[in-house]
Protein backbone atom coordinates (compact mmCIF):
# COMPACT_ATOMS: atom_id res chain seq x y z
CA MET A 1 0.00 0.00 0.00
CA PRO A 2 1.42 3.46 -0.88
CA GLU A 3 2.81 5.59 1.91
CA LEU A 4 3.64 9.26 2.35
CA ILE A 5 6.73 10.29 4.32
CA ILE A 6 6.15 13.84 5.55
CA GLN A 7 8.94 16.01 6.87
CA GLU A 8 9.19 19.72 7.58
CA ARG A 9 12.45 21.30 6.46
CA GLY A 10 14.67 22.27 9.36
CA ARG A 11 13.37 19.47 11.59
CA ALA A 12 14.80 16.01 11.96
CA GLU A 13 11.59 14.14 12.84
CA SER A 14 9.20 12.88 10.16
CA PHE A 15 5.95 10.94 10.16
CA VAL A 16 4.40 8.39 7.82
CA HIS A 17 0.85 8.29 6.49
CA THR A 18 -0.50 5.12 4.88
CA CYS A 19 -2.67 5.86 1.85
CA ALA A 20 -5.71 3.78 2.81
CA GLU A 21 -8.26 6.42 1.77
CA GLU A 22 -9.44 6.96 -1.80
CA VAL A 23 -9.13 10.74 -1.30
CA ILE A 24 -6.44 12.23 0.95
CA SER A 25 -6.93 15.94 1.60
CA ILE A 26 -3.92 18.11 2.43
CA GLY A 27 -4.32 21.55 3.97
CA ARG A 28 -4.24 23.80 6.99
CA GLN A 29 -7.79 23.21 8.24
CA ASP A 30 -8.53 20.70 10.99
CA SER A 31 -10.67 18.48 8.77
CA SER A 32 -7.76 17.73 6.41
CA THR A 33 -6.49 14.14 6.27
CA ILE A 34 -2.93 15.51 6.42
CA GLN A 35 -2.85 18.77 8.31
CA LEU A 36 0.14 21.05 7.65
CA ARG A 37 0.27 23.88 10.19
CA SER A 38 1.95 26.63 8.23
CA LYS A 39 0.75 30.04 7.06
CA GLY A 40 2.00 29.29 3.54
CA VAL A 41 -0.38 26.30 3.26
CA SER A 42 -3.94 26.98 2.06
CA ARG A 43 -6.93 25.70 4.00
CA GLU A 44 -7.65 23.23 1.16
CA HIS A 45 -4.28 23.01 -0.54
CA ALA A 46 -4.13 19.70 -2.44
CA LYS A 47 -5.49 16.18 -2.54
CA ILE A 48 -4.22 12.71 -3.47
CA LEU A 49 -6.59 10.41 -5.37
CA SER A 50 -6.31 6.62 -5.49
CA GLU A 51 -7.70 5.06 -8.67
CA GLY A 52 -6.97 1.34 -8.78
CA GLU A 53 -3.24 0.83 -8.60
CA ASN A 54 -2.47 4.46 -9.51
CA SER A 55 -2.30 7.54 -7.32
CA PHE A 56 -2.65 11.14 -8.50
CA ILE A 57 -1.81 14.50 -6.90
CA VAL A 58 -4.13 17.47 -7.63
CA ASP A 59 -3.53 21.10 -6.65
CA LEU A 60 -6.73 22.78 -5.38
CA LYS A 61 -5.94 26.31 -6.62
CA SER A 62 -3.67 26.90 -3.66
CA GLY A 63 -2.13 30.31 -3.04
CA ASN A 64 1.54 29.26 -2.98
CA GLY A 65 1.18 26.25 -5.27
CA THR A 66 2.00 22.57 -5.12
CA PHE A 67 5.27 21.29 -6.59
CA LEU A 68 5.98 17.80 -7.93
CA ASN A 69 9.69 17.07 -8.32
CA GLY A 70 10.37 20.80 -8.51
CA MET A 71 7.70 21.59 -11.13
CA ARG A 72 4.68 23.65 -10.13
CA LEU A 73 1.39 21.88 -10.84
CA ASN A 74 -1.49 23.42 -12.74
CA PRO A 75 -4.64 23.78 -10.60
CA ASP A 76 -7.26 21.03 -10.85
CA GLU A 77 -5.00 18.85 -13.01
CA LYS A 78 -4.31 15.22 -12.13
CA ASN A 79 -0.64 14.22 -12.07
CA LEU A 80 0.42 10.60 -11.78
CA LEU A 81 2.59 9.76 -8.77
CA ARG A 82 5.50 7.35 -9.12
CA PRO A 83 7.59 5.75 -6.37
CA GLY A 84 10.15 8.23 -5.09
CA ASP A 85 8.28 11.36 -6.27
CA LEU A 86 8.71 14.44 -4.08
CA ILE A 87 5.71 16.67 -3.33
CA THR A 88 6.64 20.09 -1.96
CA ILE A 89 4.10 22.28 -0.16
CA ASP A 90 5.53 25.42 1.43
CA THR A 91 8.19 24.16 3.90
CA TYR A 92 6.99 20.53 3.84
CA ASP A 93 8.49 17.72 1.76
CA ILE A 94 6.19 14.75 1.14
CA ARG A 95 7.82 11.67 -0.36
CA PHE A 96 5.56 9.15 -2.13
CA HIS A 97 6.57 5.48 -1.79
CA THR A 98 5.05 2.05 -2.08
CA GLY A 99 4.97 -0.19 1.00
CA GLY A 100 7.87 -2.14 2.47
CA VAL A 101 10.46 0.64 2.50
CA ASP A 102 12.90 1.50 5.25
CA HIS A 103 11.80 5.03 6.08
CA ALA A 104 14.84 5.93 8.13
CA SER A 105 17.21 5.04 5.30
CA ILE A 106 15.13 7.06 2.85
CA VAL A 107 15.26 10.18 5.00
CA GLN A 108 18.98 9.77 5.63
CA GLU A 109 19.66 9.25 1.93
CA GLU A 110 17.76 12.38 0.99
CA ILE A 111 19.73 14.44 3.46
CA THR A 112 23.29 13.14 3.00
CA ASP A 113 23.71 11.67 -0.49
CA SER A 114 24.81 14.64 -2.64
CA ASP A 115 25.18 12.50 -5.78
CA ILE A 116 21.49 11.61 -5.74
CA LEU A 117 20.55 15.25 -5.21
CA GLU A 118 22.65 16.30 -8.20
CA VAL A 119 21.04 13.65 -10.42
CA LYS A 120 17.57 14.74 -9.36
CA LEU A 121 18.42 18.37 -9.99
CA LEU A 122 19.70 17.46 -13.46
CA LYS A 123 16.46 15.60 -14.17
CA LYS A 124 14.45 18.67 -13.17
CA VAL A 125 16.47 20.90 -15.48
CA LEU A 126 16.15 18.49 -18.42
CA THR A 127 12.40 18.17 -17.85
CA ALA A 128 12.02 21.94 -17.83
CA LEU A 129 14.06 22.26 -21.05
CA ASP A 130 11.97 19.58 -22.74
CA LYS A 131 8.75 21.39 -21.89
CA GLU A 132 10.14 24.62 -23.33
CA THR A 133 10.73 23.02 -26.74
CA VAL A 134 7.57 20.93 -27.30
CA PRO A 135 4.20 22.27 -28.52
CA SER A 136 1.58 22.97 -25.88
CA LEU A 137 -2.09 23.90 -25.47
CA GLU A 138 -3.16 26.15 -22.59
CA VAL A 139 -6.68 27.12 -21.48
CA LEU A 140 -7.02 30.90 -21.08
CA ASN A 141 -10.45 31.23 -19.43
CA GLY A 142 -13.19 29.31 -17.66
CA SER A 143 -12.94 26.92 -14.76
CA ALA A 144 -9.91 25.18 -16.27
CA GLU A 145 -7.96 28.43 -16.76
CA GLY A 146 -4.21 27.76 -16.70
CA LYS A 147 -4.56 24.07 -17.51
CA LYS A 148 -1.87 23.07 -19.98
CA LEU A 149 -1.07 19.98 -22.01
CA PHE A 150 2.31 19.34 -23.63
CA LEU A 151 2.35 17.48 -26.96
CA THR A 152 5.27 15.14 -26.40
CA ASP A 153 6.70 12.79 -29.02
CA GLU A 154 4.75 9.88 -27.56
CA MET A 155 1.43 11.70 -28.02
CA ALA A 156 0.31 11.43 -31.66
CA GLU A 157 -3.24 12.69 -31.05
CA PHE A 158 -5.63 13.59 -28.24
CA VAL A 159 -9.28 14.55 -27.83
CA ILE A 160 -10.62 17.67 -26.10
CA GLY A 161 -14.10 17.47 -24.59
CA ARG A 162 -16.34 17.52 -21.56
CA ASP A 163 -16.13 13.75 -21.13
CA PRO A 164 -13.73 12.87 -18.27
CA ASP A 165 -12.35 10.04 -20.42
CA CYS A 166 -10.99 12.54 -22.97
CA SER A 167 -7.24 13.06 -23.08
CA PHE A 168 -7.76 16.76 -22.30
CA PRO A 169 -11.03 17.11 -20.34
CA ILE A 170 -12.56 20.56 -19.85
CA ASN A 171 -15.71 20.56 -17.76
CA GLU A 172 -17.69 23.38 -19.40
CA TYR A 173 -21.29 23.23 -20.64
CA VAL A 174 -20.37 25.02 -23.91
CA ILE A 175 -18.02 22.17 -24.83
CA SER A 176 -19.35 18.93 -26.32
CA ARG A 177 -18.49 15.60 -24.77
CA ARG A 178 -16.04 15.00 -27.62
CA HIS A 179 -15.49 18.46 -29.05
CA ALA A 180 -12.26 18.46 -31.10
CA GLN A 181 -9.19 16.40 -31.81
CA ILE A 182 -5.55 17.52 -32.08
CA ILE A 183 -3.57 15.40 -34.55
CA LYS A 184 0.14 15.26 -35.34
CA ARG A 185 0.83 14.88 -39.07
CA TRP A 186 3.75 15.05 -41.43
CA GLY A 187 2.93 18.63 -42.39
CA GLY A 188 2.45 19.84 -38.82
CA ILE A 189 -0.17 19.78 -36.07
CA ALA A 190 -3.85 20.07 -37.01
CA ILE A 191 -7.17 20.47 -35.21
CA ARG A 192 -10.31 18.63 -36.36
CA ASP A 193 -13.80 19.50 -35.15
CA LEU A 194 -15.73 16.38 -34.05
CA GLU A 195 -19.15 17.71 -35.13
CA SER A 196 -19.41 19.74 -31.93
CA LYS A 197 -22.53 21.73 -31.13
CA ASN A 198 -20.87 25.14 -30.69
CA GLY A 199 -18.08 24.63 -33.22
CA SER A 200 -14.32 25.06 -33.22
CA PHE A 201 -12.69 28.35 -34.20
CA VAL A 202 -9.10 29.21 -35.06
CA ASN A 203 -8.34 32.93 -34.83
CA ASN A 204 -12.09 33.78 -34.94
CA ARG A 205 -12.68 31.64 -38.04
CA ARG A 206 -14.81 28.51 -37.81
CA VAL A 207 -12.98 25.43 -39.06
CA VAL A 208 -13.63 21.77 -39.70
CA GLU A 209 -9.96 20.88 -39.99
CA GLU A 210 -7.07 23.30 -39.93
CA TYR A 211 -3.30 23.26 -39.38
CA LEU A 212 -2.18 25.12 -36.26
CA HIS A 213 0.65 27.62 -35.99
CA ASP A 214 2.50 29.17 -33.09
CA GLY A 215 0.33 31.75 -31.32
CA ASP A 216 -3.01 30.56 -32.73
CA ARG A 217 -6.06 31.05 -30.49
CA ILE A 218 -8.49 28.14 -30.51
CA ALA A 219 -12.06 28.84 -29.37
CA LEU A 220 -14.18 25.87 -28.35
CA GLY A 221 -17.51 27.52 -27.84
CA THR A 222 -16.57 30.37 -25.49
CA ILE A 223 -13.49 28.63 -24.04
CA VAL A 224 -10.29 29.99 -25.57
CA CYS A 225 -7.03 28.00 -25.73
CA LEU A 226 -3.60 29.21 -26.79
CA PHE A 227 -1.47 26.98 -29.01
CA ARG A 228 2.29 27.44 -28.73
CA ASN A 229 4.91 25.71 -30.84
CA PRO A 230 8.47 26.87 -30.00
CA GLN A 231 9.81 24.78 -32.89
CA GLU A 232 7.97 26.94 -35.41
CA ILE A 233 8.62 30.54 -36.42
CA ASN A 234 5.36 32.26 -37.28
CA LEU A 235 6.03 34.57 -40.24
CA ALA A 236 2.39 35.38 -40.94
CA HIS A 237 2.37 38.41 -38.68
CA LEU A 238 5.31 39.98 -40.51
CA GLU A 239 2.98 41.12 -43.29
CA ASP A 240 1.12 43.30 -40.79
CA ILE A 241 4.24 45.10 -39.63
CA THR A 242 4.24 48.64 -41.01
CA PRO A 243 7.53 49.74 -42.57
CA LYS A 244 9.55 52.42 -40.90
CA ALA A 245 8.61 55.97 -41.87
CA ARG A 246 10.67 57.34 -44.72
CA PRO A 247 11.32 61.06 -45.21
CA ALA A 248 9.07 62.70 -47.78
CA PRO A 249 10.71 63.65 -51.08
CA VAL A 250 12.04 67.19 -51.10
CA VAL A 251 10.40 69.53 -53.61
CA PRO A 252 12.58 72.61 -54.30
CA GLN A 253 9.52 74.86 -54.61
CA GLU A 254 8.46 73.97 -51.04
CA ILE A 255 11.77 75.05 -49.42
CA PRO A 256 11.19 78.40 -47.69
CA GLY A 257 13.48 81.23 -48.78
CA LEU A 258 14.61 79.48 -51.96
CA GLU A 259 14.26 81.87 -54.88
CA GLU A 260 13.27 80.74 -58.32
CA GLU A 261 15.96 80.10 -60.86
CA PRO A 262 16.90 83.37 -62.56
CA ALA A 263 15.80 84.05 -66.06
CA PRO A 264 17.94 82.80 -68.94
CA PRO A 265 20.91 85.03 -69.01
CA ALA A 266 23.18 86.96 -71.17
CA GLN A 267 22.73 85.58 -74.64
CA GLU A 268 18.97 86.19 -74.72
CA THR A 269 19.50 89.72 -73.32
CA MET A 270 22.08 90.41 -75.92
CA GLU A 271 19.83 89.14 -78.65
CA GLY A 272 16.86 91.19 -77.36
CA GLU A 273 16.12 94.83 -77.45
CA GLY A 274 18.32 95.64 -74.44
CA ALA A 275 21.49 94.60 -76.25
CA GLU A 276 20.50 96.44 -79.40
CA GLY A 277 19.79 99.58 -77.34
CA ALA A 278 23.18 99.31 -75.68
CA PHE A 279 24.90 99.23 -79.02
CA GLU A 280 22.77 102.04 -80.38
CA GLU A 281 23.62 104.33 -77.45
CA SER A 282 27.33 104.04 -78.21
CA THR A 283 28.60 107.14 -80.03
CA GLY A 284 32.26 106.23 -80.35
CA GLU A 285 34.01 105.76 -83.68
CA PRO A 286 34.24 102.23 -84.97
CA GLY A 287 37.53 100.81 -83.88
CA GLU A 288 39.24 99.28 -80.86
CA GLU A 289 38.22 101.92 -78.29
CA GLY A 290 34.63 102.05 -79.55
CA ALA A 291 34.28 98.28 -79.37
CA LEU A 292 35.60 98.22 -75.78
CA ASP A 293 33.14 100.91 -74.72
CA GLN A 294 30.27 99.02 -76.30
CA TRP A 295 31.28 95.78 -74.52
CA GLU A 296 31.45 97.52 -71.12
CA GLN A 297 27.96 98.91 -71.70
CA VAL A 298 26.69 95.41 -72.61
CA GLU A 299 28.26 93.93 -69.43
CA GLN A 300 26.56 96.57 -67.31
CA ALA A 301 23.20 95.82 -68.96
CA MET A 302 23.60 92.03 -68.33
CA PRO A 303 22.27 90.67 -64.97
CA GLN A 304 24.88 89.59 -62.42
CA ILE A 305 24.10 85.85 -62.02
CA TYR A 306 27.35 84.58 -60.58
CA PRO A 307 29.50 87.35 -59.10
CA THR A 308 33.20 87.03 -59.88
CA PRO A 309 35.13 86.14 -56.68
CA GLN A 310 37.82 88.64 -55.77
CA PRO A 311 41.07 87.40 -54.21
CA HIS A 312 41.62 88.52 -50.65
CA ILE A 313 44.87 90.28 -51.34
CA GLU A 314 44.17 92.97 -48.80
CA ALA A 315 44.12 90.45 -45.96
CA ILE A 316 47.61 89.30 -46.91
CA LYS A 317 48.86 92.87 -47.14
CA ARG A 318 47.65 93.56 -43.61
CA LEU A 319 50.24 91.15 -42.07
CA THR A 320 53.10 93.01 -40.37
CA PRO A 321 56.73 91.94 -40.81
CA ILE A 322 56.77 90.69 -37.20
CA GLU A 323 53.77 88.42 -37.87
CA ILE A 324 55.42 87.08 -41.03
CA GLY A 325 58.62 86.38 -39.05
CA MET A 326 56.68 84.52 -36.35
CA ILE A 327 55.04 82.34 -38.99
CA GLY A 328 58.46 81.49 -40.48
CA LEU A 329 59.87 80.71 -37.02
CA GLY A 330 56.97 78.38 -36.31
CA GLY A 331 57.63 76.55 -39.56
CA LEU A 332 61.31 76.04 -38.63
CA VAL A 333 60.38 74.68 -35.19
CA LEU A 334 57.99 72.22 -36.84
CA ILE A 335 60.70 71.06 -39.25
CA PHE A 336 63.22 70.49 -36.42
CA ALA A 337 60.61 68.57 -34.44
CA LEU A 338 59.91 66.26 -37.36
CA ILE A 339 63.65 65.65 -37.89
CA THR A 340 64.07 64.78 -34.18
CA ILE A 341 61.17 62.32 -34.28
CA LEU A 342 62.62 60.61 -37.37
CA ASN A 343 66.01 60.27 -35.69
CA LEU A 344 64.44 58.69 -32.63
CA LEU A 345 62.48 56.21 -34.74
CA THR A 346 65.48 55.17 -36.86
CA SER A 347 67.95 54.89 -33.97
């Protein structure tokens, strides 16, 4: 007959409870089968069910949670107990064993054997890593909110429904007894509606059979489940991502303060009436001096589009002889410094 070895951390004594009842209640209240007197334990914290030769641990929506081998249990979800499993509730460690075991040796082994503790810790880490890489289905609302099922390699398909015999039972009146089926196929993971009364929806679209992708929301009646598949990268949402804002094209006419391009220049002016008038106003005799005078008049009549840059000769003339000498001295010092650096590098 299964037995529970209960020990509070920090105390050497422990006590044993034989699992003779079909339902063993664990909590802080006096009516509990196993009473744990600690503020971190809920009044109705957890229960252990015996079904034939199997025993199951169920968390009863406790405040601080129930842990099985280091993993926190989902509320109202049955978890199979195996010999040697450790149930942790607040500061209490409850070891599940079958009958005929030396309890003293078990307690001593748990306390002193570091190799066994390291192996168990490694198993916990590997289990957590496995759960992070396999697909899962989690209930987001209703009485089974937070309930999660992991689609391991051994699980090729499972049925969701109100029937307790379903692989993933959800006790809600909006869900049919056998509502939908999740199937693993070569092309991925699909959901198939089993002719349910309220239908199956994937992302607000009613489906009969549909492949699932990471992040899909499955609605079974009014109960919503979230499908996660860490092995898949969902690229569908990338189409909805708006591109980064680009600067608007610059239109020269819209730049404030920018004047319009000046009118076509000199040649048109010379060919027009202005140029002819300039030549007509000239009274000089035809020859070299008359031609120069006419050209100066034409230049004055032409618009100044690009002014001719004048060299800043005056700025150079303003330097005094002392300033020029200082500039020359600075150049000599720079030359000597460069020579000294080269000698140091080559020596």
